[in-house]
Amino acid sequence: QVQLVESGGGLVQPGGSLRLACAASRTLFTFDGMGWYRQAPGEQRELVAANTLGGNTNYADSVKGRFIFSRDNAKNTVYLQMNNLKPEDTAVYYCYVRVGVGTHYWGQGTQVTISS
């Protein structure tokens, strides 16, 4: 079993920045993939950033150039740096890790609200 604990959400004005963190209960090297999804009210869960064991990260078109995925292997933690935030980025953000092809573990979710 894997526990993921998220932090860093909150309320920020348009154009602002936030950094989300997701701490895993074991080393990141045991996972085949990791990343972030988000879900806005009334919407389906959307993939925001997906990092593979090989190191590549794919981003949703809506966040390219604004969001940056990173990982700190020593801290077993992944991050999502979000810049130039827009109201449409408002959602609950979930981190995940993947073991093999189909086994995913999820964080508890953290609310991000962009509003003036």
C-alpha atoms as a PDB file:
ATOM      1  CA  GLN A   1       0.000   0.000   0.000  1.00  0.00           C
ATOM      2  CA  VAL A   2       1.126   3.540  -0.736  1.00  0.00           C
ATOM      3  CA  GLN A   3       0.106   6.714   1.053  1.00  0.00           C
ATOM      4  CA  LEU A   4       0.266  10.065  -0.683  1.00  0.00           C
ATOM      5  CA  VAL A   5      -0.161  13.287   1.283  1.00  0.00           C
ATOM      6  CA  GLU A   6      -0.778  16.504  -0.588  1.00  0.00           C
ATOM      7  CA  SER A   7      -0.246  20.080   0.508  1.00  0.00           C
ATOM      8  CA  GLY A   8      -0.035  23.551  -0.958  1.00  0.00           C
ATOM      9  CA  GLY A   9      -3.471  24.372  -2.278  1.00  0.00           C
ATOM     10  CA  GLY A  10      -5.282  27.601  -1.547  1.00  0.00           C
ATOM     11  CA  LEU A  11      -6.784  30.791  -2.898  1.00  0.00           C
ATOM     12  CA  VAL A  12      -4.758  32.985  -5.211  1.00  0.00           C
ATOM     13  CA  GLN A  13      -5.501  35.857  -7.559  1.00  0.00           C
ATOM     14  CA  PRO A  14      -5.299  35.466 -11.330  1.00  0.00           C
ATOM     15  CA  GLY A  15      -1.710  35.687 -12.487  1.00  0.00           C
ATOM     16  CA  GLY A  16      -0.404  34.337  -9.212  1.00  0.00           C
ATOM     17  CA  SER A  17       1.499  31.173  -8.417  1.00  0.00           C
ATOM     18  CA  LEU A  18       1.155  28.132  -6.190  1.00  0.00           C
ATOM     19  CA  ARG A  19       3.266  25.074  -5.590  1.00  0.00           C
ATOM     20  CA  LEU A  20       1.611  21.794  -4.740  1.00  0.00           C
ATOM     21  CA  ALA A  21       3.519  19.026  -3.004  1.00  0.00           C
ATOM     22  CA  CYS A  22       2.789  15.319  -2.731  1.00  0.00           C
ATOM     23  CA  ALA A  23       4.780  13.215  -0.283  1.00  0.00           C
ATOM     24  CA  ALA A  24       4.877   9.464  -0.837  1.00  0.00           C
ATOM     25  CA  SER A  25       5.284   6.836   1.862  1.00  0.00           C
ATOM     26  CA  ARG A  26       8.092   5.098   0.007  1.00  0.00           C
ATOM     27  CA  THR A  27      10.815   5.836  -2.475  1.00  0.00           C
ATOM     28  CA  LEU A  28       9.749   7.272  -5.812  1.00  0.00           C
ATOM     29  CA  PHE A  29      11.979   4.761  -7.589  1.00  0.00           C
ATOM     30  CA  THR A  30       9.405   2.028  -6.911  1.00  0.00           C
ATOM     31  CA  PHE A  31       6.862   3.760  -9.147  1.00  0.00           C
ATOM     32  CA  ASP A  32       6.580   3.517 -12.911  1.00  0.00           C
ATOM     33  CA  GLY A  33       4.815   6.824 -13.282  1.00  0.00           C
ATOM     34  CA  MET A  34       3.525   9.763 -11.273  1.00  0.00           C
ATOM     35  CA  GLY A  35       1.817  13.048 -11.823  1.00  0.00           C
ATOM     36  CA  TRP A  36      -1.189  15.234 -11.246  1.00  0.00           C
ATOM     37  CA  TYR A  37      -4.835  15.293 -12.232  1.00  0.00           C
ATOM     38  CA  ARG A  38      -7.452  17.906 -11.491  1.00  0.00           C
ATOM     39  CA  GLN A  39     -11.214  17.950 -11.317  1.00  0.00           C
ATOM     40  CA  ALA A  40     -13.355  21.037 -11.546  1.00  0.00           C
ATOM     41  CA  PRO A  41     -16.984  21.041 -10.324  1.00  0.00           C
ATOM     42  CA  GLY A  42     -19.207  19.238 -12.781  1.00  0.00           C
ATOM     43  CA  GLU A  43     -16.254  18.192 -14.915  1.00  0.00           C
ATOM     44  CA  GLN A  44     -14.391  14.966 -15.503  1.00  0.00           C
ATOM     45  CA  ARG A  45     -10.990  14.423 -13.983  1.00  0.00           C
ATOM     46  CA  GLU A  46      -8.339  15.878 -16.280  1.00  0.00           C
ATOM     47  CA  LEU A  47      -4.704  14.846 -16.576  1.00  0.00           C
ATOM     48  CA  VAL A  48      -2.483  17.850 -15.888  1.00  0.00           C
ATOM     49  CA  ALA A  49       1.032  16.390 -15.860  1.00  0.00           C
ATOM     50  CA  ALA A  50       2.326  12.855 -16.230  1.00  0.00           C
ATOM     51  CA  ASN A  51       5.906  11.885 -15.454  1.00  0.00           C
ATOM     52  CA  THR A  52       7.355   8.543 -16.423  1.00  0.00           C
ATOM     53  CA  LEU A  53      10.174   6.546 -14.905  1.00  0.00           C
ATOM     54  CA  GLY A  54      12.320   7.566 -17.857  1.00  0.00           C
ATOM     55  CA  GLY A  55      12.022  11.179 -16.802  1.00  0.00           C
ATOM     56  CA  ASN A  56       9.763  12.624 -19.503  1.00  0.00           C
ATOM     57  CA  THR A  57       6.796  14.738 -18.464  1.00  0.00           C
ATOM     58  CA  ASN A  58       3.725  15.314 -20.589  1.00  0.00           C
ATOM     59  CA  TYR A  59       1.460  18.266 -19.890  1.00  0.00           C
ATOM     60  CA  ALA A  60      -2.101  19.103 -20.793  1.00  0.00           C
ATOM     61  CA  ASP A  61      -2.199  21.710 -23.544  1.00  0.00           C
ATOM     62  CA  SER A  62      -4.058  24.067 -21.217  1.00  0.00           C
ATOM     63  CA  VAL A  63      -1.121  24.236 -18.776  1.00  0.00           C
ATOM     64  CA  LYS A  64       1.919  23.975 -21.056  1.00  0.00           C
ATOM     65  CA  GLY A  65       4.378  26.771 -20.393  1.00  0.00           C
ATOM     66  CA  ARG A  66       2.728  27.611 -17.056  1.00  0.00           C
ATOM     67  CA  PHE A  67       2.946  24.446 -14.932  1.00  0.00           C
ATOM     68  CA  ILE A  68       6.108  22.551 -14.094  1.00  0.00           C
ATOM     69  CA  PHE A  69       6.338  19.059 -12.645  1.00  0.00           C
ATOM     70  CA  SER A  70       9.340  18.193 -10.512  1.00  0.00           C
ATOM     71  CA  ARG A  71      10.445  15.536  -8.064  1.00  0.00           C
ATOM     72  CA  ASP A  72      12.750  15.353  -5.092  1.00  0.00           C
ATOM     73  CA  ASN A  73      13.822  11.749  -4.791  1.00  0.00           C
ATOM     74  CA  ALA A  74      15.530  12.309  -1.448  1.00  0.00           C
ATOM     75  CA  LYS A  75      12.251  13.532   0.045  1.00  0.00           C
ATOM     76  CA  ASN A  76       9.993  11.061  -1.809  1.00  0.00           C
ATOM     77  CA  THR A  77       8.047  14.104  -2.950  1.00  0.00           C
ATOM     78  CA  VAL A  78       6.707  15.383  -6.238  1.00  0.00           C
ATOM     79  CA  TYR A  79       5.694  18.943  -6.933  1.00  0.00           C
ATOM     80  CA  LEU A  80       3.554  20.928  -9.302  1.00  0.00           C
ATOM     81  CA  GLN A  81       4.657  24.518  -9.730  1.00  0.00           C
ATOM     82  CA  MET A  82       1.758  26.504 -11.140  1.00  0.00           C
ATOM     83  CA  ASN A  83       2.425  29.956 -12.581  1.00  0.00           C
ATOM     84  CA  ASN A  84       0.269  32.567 -14.258  1.00  0.00           C
ATOM     85  CA  LEU A  85      -2.804  30.961 -12.799  1.00  0.00           C
ATOM     86  CA  LYS A  86      -6.162  31.519 -14.420  1.00  0.00           C
ATOM     87  CA  PRO A  87      -9.716  31.195 -13.064  1.00  0.00           C
ATOM     88  CA  GLU A  88     -10.174  28.097 -15.236  1.00  0.00           C
ATOM     89  CA  ASP A  89      -7.401  26.398 -13.259  1.00  0.00           C
ATOM     90  CA  THR A  90      -9.756  26.274 -10.279  1.00  0.00           C
ATOM     91  CA  ALA A  91     -10.186  22.622  -9.313  1.00  0.00           C
ATOM     92  CA  VAL A  92      -9.296  19.959  -6.804  1.00  0.00           C
ATOM     93  CA  TYR A  93      -5.837  18.698  -7.662  1.00  0.00           C
ATOM     94  CA  TYR A  94      -4.880  15.068  -7.082  1.00  0.00           C
ATOM     95  CA  CYS A  95      -1.439  13.553  -7.242  1.00  0.00           C
ATOM     96  CA  TYR A  96      -1.016   9.943  -8.230  1.00  0.00           C
ATOM     97  CA  VAL A  97       1.633   7.292  -8.583  1.00  0.00           C
ATOM     98  CA  ARG A  98       1.434   4.292 -10.864  1.00  0.00           C
ATOM     99  CA  VAL A  99       2.817   0.818 -10.291  1.00  0.00           C
ATOM    100  CA  GLY A 100       3.016  -1.245 -13.440  1.00  0.00           C
ATOM    101  CA  VAL A 101       0.318  -0.586 -16.024  1.00  0.00           C
ATOM    102  CA  GLY A 102      -2.909  -0.338 -14.113  1.00  0.00           C
ATOM    103  CA  THR A 103      -2.374   0.183 -10.399  1.00  0.00           C
ATOM    104  CA  HIS A 104      -2.755   3.774  -9.244  1.00  0.00           C
ATOM    105  CA  TYR A 105      -2.595   5.324  -5.822  1.00  0.00           C
ATOM    106  CA  TRP A 106      -4.079   8.747  -5.153  1.00  0.00           C
ATOM    107  CA  GLY A 107      -3.560  11.653  -2.842  1.00  0.00           C
ATOM    108  CA  GLN A 108      -6.441  13.070  -0.853  1.00  0.00           C
ATOM    109  CA  GLY A 109      -6.848  16.082  -3.127  1.00  0.00           C
ATOM    110  CA  THR A 110      -6.154  19.745  -2.500  1.00  0.00           C
ATOM    111  CA  GLN A 111      -8.371  22.657  -3.495  1.00  0.00           C
ATOM    112  CA  VAL A 112      -6.946  25.355  -5.746  1.00  0.00           C
ATOM    113  CA  THR A 113      -9.100  28.417  -6.264  1.00  0.00           C
ATOM    114  CA  ILE A 114      -8.209  31.257  -8.588  1.00  0.00           C
ATOM    115  CA  SER A 115     -10.268  34.338  -7.951  1.00  0.00           C
ATOM    116  CA  SER A 116      -9.904  38.069  -7.558  1.00  0.00           C
END
